[in-house]
C-alpha atoms as a PDB file:
ATOM      1  CA  MET A   1      37.926  26.105  20.459  1.00  0.00           C
ATOM      2  CA  LYS A   2      38.530  23.189  18.875  1.00  0.00           C
ATOM      3  CA  LYS A   3      36.882  21.600  21.326  1.00  0.00           C
ATOM      4  CA  PHE A   4      33.621  23.322  19.260  1.00  0.00           C
ATOM      5  CA  VAL A   5      34.321  22.531  15.684  1.00  0.00           C
ATOM      6  CA  GLY A   6      33.645  18.761  15.254  1.00  0.00           C
ATOM      7  CA  PRO A   7      30.245  19.273  17.239  1.00  0.00           C
ATOM      8  CA  VAL A   8      29.189  22.112  15.396  1.00  0.00           C
ATOM      9  CA  ILE A   9      30.115  19.834  11.969  1.00  0.00           C
ATOM     10  CA  ILE A  10      28.464  16.844  13.763  1.00  0.00           C
ATOM     11  CA  GLY A  11      24.935  19.298  13.834  1.00  0.00           C
ATOM     12  CA  LEU A  12      25.321  20.936  10.884  1.00  0.00           C
ATOM     13  CA  VAL A  13      25.707  17.531   9.044  1.00  0.00           C
ATOM     14  CA  VAL A  14      22.383  16.082  10.967  1.00  0.00           C
ATOM     15  CA  ILE A  15      20.109  19.207  10.138  1.00  0.00           C
ATOM     16  CA  LEU A  16      21.594  19.279   6.546  1.00  0.00           C
ATOM     17  CA  SER A  17      20.529  15.434   6.816  1.00  0.00           C
ATOM     18  CA  ILE A  18      16.647  15.926   7.588  1.00  0.00           C
ATOM     19  CA  VAL A  19      16.366  19.213   4.973  1.00  0.00           C
ATOM     20  CA  ILE A  20      17.087  16.658   1.932  1.00  0.00           C
ATOM     21  CA  TRP A  21      14.897  13.969   3.565  1.00  0.00           C
ATOM     22  CA  TRP A  22      11.763  16.247   4.330  1.00  0.00           C
ATOM     23  CA  ARG A  23      12.504  17.775   0.680  1.00  0.00           C
ATOM     24  CA  TYR A  24      13.039  15.048  -1.452  1.00  0.00           C
ATOM     25  CA  TYR A  25      11.903  11.819   0.641  1.00  0.00           C
ATOM     26  CA  PHE A  26       9.482  13.018   3.321  1.00  0.00           C
ATOM     27  CA  VAL A  27       5.251  11.716   1.234  1.00  0.00           C
ATOM     28  CA  PHE A  28       3.246  14.844   2.225  1.00  0.00           C
ATOM     29  CA  ALA A  29       0.176  13.632   0.663  1.00  0.00           C
ATOM     30  CA  GLU A  30      -1.227   9.762  -0.793  1.00  0.00           C
ATOM     31  CA  GLY A  31      -4.343   9.805  -2.138  1.00  0.00           C
ATOM     32  CA  VAL A  32      -5.723   8.376  -5.518  1.00  0.00           C
ATOM     33  CA  LYS A  33      -6.441  10.452  -9.121  1.00  0.00           C
ATOM     34  CA  ALA A  34      -8.543   9.427 -11.848  1.00  0.00           C
ATOM     35  CA  GLY A  35      -9.582  11.147 -15.862  1.00  0.00           C
ATOM     36  CA  ASN A  36      -8.014  10.076 -19.688  1.00  0.00           C
ATOM     37  CA  LEU A  37      -4.407   8.655 -19.764  1.00  0.00           C
ATOM     38  CA  ASN A  38      -3.839  11.132 -22.238  1.00  0.00           C
ATOM     39  CA  TYR A  39       0.035  10.428 -22.648  1.00  0.00           C
ATOM     40  CA  PHE A  40       2.938   7.880 -21.000  1.00  0.00           C
ATOM     41  CA  GLU A  41       6.310   7.162 -22.445  1.00  0.00           C
ATOM     42  CA  LYS A  42       9.614   6.534 -20.582  1.00  0.00           C
ATOM     43  CA  LYS A  43      11.998   9.669 -20.362  1.00  0.00           C
ATOM     44  CA  GLY A  44      15.610  11.327 -19.766  1.00  0.00           C
ATOM     45  CA  PHE A  45      18.516  12.137 -20.400  1.00  0.00           C
ATOM     46  CA  ILE A  46      20.275   9.924 -17.683  1.00  0.00           C
ATOM     47  CA  PHE A  47      17.746   8.562 -16.098  1.00  0.00           C
ATOM     48  CA  LYS A  48      15.770   7.206 -18.131  1.00  0.00           C
ATOM     49  CA  THR A  49      11.922   7.434 -16.148  1.00  0.00           C
ATOM     50  CA  TRP A  50       8.247   6.525 -17.070  1.00  0.00           C
ATOM     51  CA  GLU A  51       5.853   9.686 -17.337  1.00  0.00           C
ATOM     52  CA  GLY A  52       2.396  10.180 -17.998  1.00  0.00           C
ATOM     53  CA  ARG A  53      -0.690  13.026 -18.303  1.00  0.00           C
ATOM     54  CA  LEU A  54      -3.981  12.162 -17.132  1.00  0.00           C
ATOM     55  CA  VAL A  55      -6.717  14.329 -18.351  1.00  0.00           C
ATOM     56  CA  GLN A  56      -9.610  14.960 -15.642  1.00  0.00           C
ATOM     57  CA  ASP A  57     -13.599  15.875 -16.051  1.00  0.00           C
ATOM     58  CA  GLY A  58     -14.379  19.574 -15.173  1.00  0.00           C
ATOM     59  CA  PHE A  59     -11.936  22.483 -15.384  1.00  0.00           C
ATOM     60  CA  GLN A  60      -9.482  24.742 -12.650  1.00  0.00           C
ATOM     61  CA  SER A  61      -7.600  27.860 -13.342  1.00  0.00           C
ATOM     62  CA  PRO A  62      -5.714  29.895 -10.902  1.00  0.00           C
ATOM     63  CA  ASN A  63      -7.264  33.028 -12.164  1.00  0.00           C
ATOM     64  CA  PRO A  64     -10.964  32.976 -12.440  1.00  0.00           C
ATOM     65  CA  GLY A  65     -12.587  33.630 -15.299  1.00  0.00           C
ATOM     66  CA  ASP A  66     -10.681  31.832 -17.539  1.00  0.00           C
ATOM     67  CA  LEU A  67     -10.546  28.208 -18.962  1.00  0.00           C
ATOM     68  CA  GLN A  68      -8.140  25.442 -18.074  1.00  0.00           C
ATOM     69  CA  SER A  69      -7.975  21.431 -18.450  1.00  0.00           C
ATOM     70  CA  ASN A  70      -7.383  20.259 -15.662  1.00  0.00           C
ATOM     71  CA  GLU A  71      -4.112  17.799 -15.915  1.00  0.00           C
ATOM     72  CA  PHE A  72      -2.285  15.005 -13.630  1.00  0.00           C
ATOM     73  CA  ARG A  73       1.521  14.727 -14.672  1.00  0.00           C
ATOM     74  CA  PHE A  74       2.650  11.713 -12.894  1.00  0.00           C
ATOM     75  CA  SER A  75       5.863   9.394 -12.849  1.00  0.00           C
ATOM     76  CA  THR A  76       6.425   5.817 -11.391  1.00  0.00           C
ATOM     77  CA  ASN A  77       9.314   3.523 -11.286  1.00  0.00           C
ATOM     78  CA  SER A  78       7.337   0.129 -11.193  1.00  0.00           C
ATOM     79  CA  ASP A  79       7.293  -1.681 -13.971  1.00  0.00           C
ATOM     80  CA  SER A  80       4.727  -3.738 -13.465  1.00  0.00           C
ATOM     81  CA  VAL A  81       2.600  -0.483 -13.291  1.00  0.00           C
ATOM     82  CA  ALA A  82       4.186   0.251 -16.024  1.00  0.00           C
ATOM     83  CA  VAL A  83       3.775  -2.557 -18.357  1.00  0.00           C
ATOM     84  CA  ILE A  84       0.488  -2.209 -17.509  1.00  0.00           C
ATOM     85  CA  LEU A  85      -0.605   2.124 -18.530  1.00  0.00           C
ATOM     86  CA  GLU A  86       1.439   1.265 -21.961  1.00  0.00           C
ATOM     87  CA  ARG A  87      -1.179  -0.510 -23.276  1.00  0.00           C
ATOM     88  CA  SER A  88      -4.196   1.880 -22.114  1.00  0.00           C
ATOM     89  CA  GLY A  89      -3.665   5.226 -22.827  1.00  0.00           C
ATOM     90  CA  GLY A  90      -6.800   6.779 -24.270  1.00  0.00           C
ATOM     91  CA  GLN A  91      -8.991   4.821 -21.932  1.00  0.00           C
ATOM     92  CA  PHE A  92     -10.462   6.092 -17.968  1.00  0.00           C
ATOM     93  CA  VAL A  93      -7.807   4.855 -15.383  1.00  0.00           C
ATOM     94  CA  GLU A  94      -7.532   5.073 -11.313  1.00  0.00           C
ATOM     95  CA  LEU A  95      -4.094   5.772 -10.386  1.00  0.00           C
ATOM     96  CA  ARG A  96      -2.706   5.599  -6.384  1.00  0.00           C
ATOM     97  CA  TYR A  97      -0.061   8.129  -5.719  1.00  0.00           C
ATOM     98  CA  LYS A  98       2.455   9.200  -3.139  1.00  0.00           C
ATOM     99  CA  GLU A  99       3.400  13.471  -3.650  1.00  0.00           C
ATOM    100  CA  TYR A 100       6.632  13.806  -2.619  1.00  0.00           C
ATOM    101  CA  LEU A 101       7.742  18.113  -1.253  1.00  0.00           C
ATOM    102  CA  ASN A 102      10.192  17.923  -4.800  1.00  0.00           C
ATOM    103  CA  PRO A 103      11.256  15.293  -7.060  1.00  0.00           C
ATOM    104  CA  LEU A 104      14.131  13.433  -7.856  1.00  0.00           C
ATOM    105  CA  PRO A 105      15.703  12.864 -11.105  1.00  0.00           C
ATOM    106  CA  TRP A 106      16.055   9.020 -10.851  1.00  0.00           C
ATOM    107  CA  ARG A 107      12.480   9.220  -9.397  1.00  0.00           C
ATOM    108  CA  GLY A 108      11.502  11.518 -12.341  1.00  0.00           C
ATOM    109  CA  ALA A 109      10.088  14.852 -13.857  1.00  0.00           C
ATOM    110  CA  SER A 110       7.567  15.116 -11.782  1.00  0.00           C
ATOM    111  CA  LYS A 111       6.969  15.536  -7.794  1.00  0.00           C
ATOM    112  CA  TYR A 112       3.814  12.918  -8.101  1.00  0.00           C
ATOM    113  CA  GLU A 113       4.771   9.141  -7.967  1.00  0.00           C
ATOM    114  CA  VAL A 114       2.003   6.763  -9.434  1.00  0.00           C
ATOM    115  CA  THR A 115       2.112   3.143  -6.935  1.00  0.00           C
ATOM    116  CA  GLU A 116      -0.086   1.366  -8.372  1.00  0.00           C
ATOM    117  CA  ILE A 117      -3.651   0.962 -10.464  1.00  0.00           C
ATOM    118  CA  VAL A 118      -6.826   0.608  -8.995  1.00  0.00           C
ATOM    119  CA  GLN A 119      -8.819   0.553 -11.690  1.00  0.00           C
ATOM    120  CA  ILE A 120      -9.003   0.762 -15.630  1.00  0.00           C
ATOM    121  CA  ARG A 121     -12.442   1.042 -17.593  1.00  0.00           C
ATOM    122  CA  ASN A 122     -12.813   1.578 -21.267  1.00  0.00           C
ATOM    123  CA  SER A 123     -13.723   5.256 -22.289  1.00  0.00           C
ATOM    124  CA  GLY A 124     -16.839   4.582 -23.791  1.00  0.00           C
ATOM    125  CA  ARG A 125     -15.731   5.293 -27.724  1.00  0.00           C
ATOM    126  CA  GLU A 126     -17.191   1.673 -28.654  1.00  0.00           C
ATOM    127  CA  GLY A 127     -19.568   3.418 -31.694  1.00  0.00           C
ATOM    128  CA  LEU A 128     -15.606   4.605 -33.326  1.00  0.00           C
ATOM    129  CA  PRO A 129     -14.456   2.466 -36.439  1.00  0.00           C
ATOM    130  CA  MET A 130     -10.625   2.006 -34.628  1.00  0.00           C
ATOM    131  CA  GLN A 131     -11.111   1.224 -30.705  1.00  0.00           C
END
């Protein structure tokens, strides 16, 4: 009986390690999202992370017939990305991201992590008095 306890514990540790890696570190998808940057802020109780929201063109709704804005909520840990996005509120941006299955507190509140800024354009508000 004692000679089975060691391998069983090792097997459980290996299986638990694989499950944790799969749920929190496996990159499920990578891609680019584009839209107007609604807000970008640093927040958190213990782990301060950069959080933002991109409002995309069009509408998306889980229920047929309902209207709902298409939002992309994201986090980033890159200081170089954060410095640029902090100054780009209201502008049209294209962001490269990685999608994880679950968020981690030190990675951000979202399962989407922005890794790079592809492009930033003015959102076409040249005629307004305040830019």
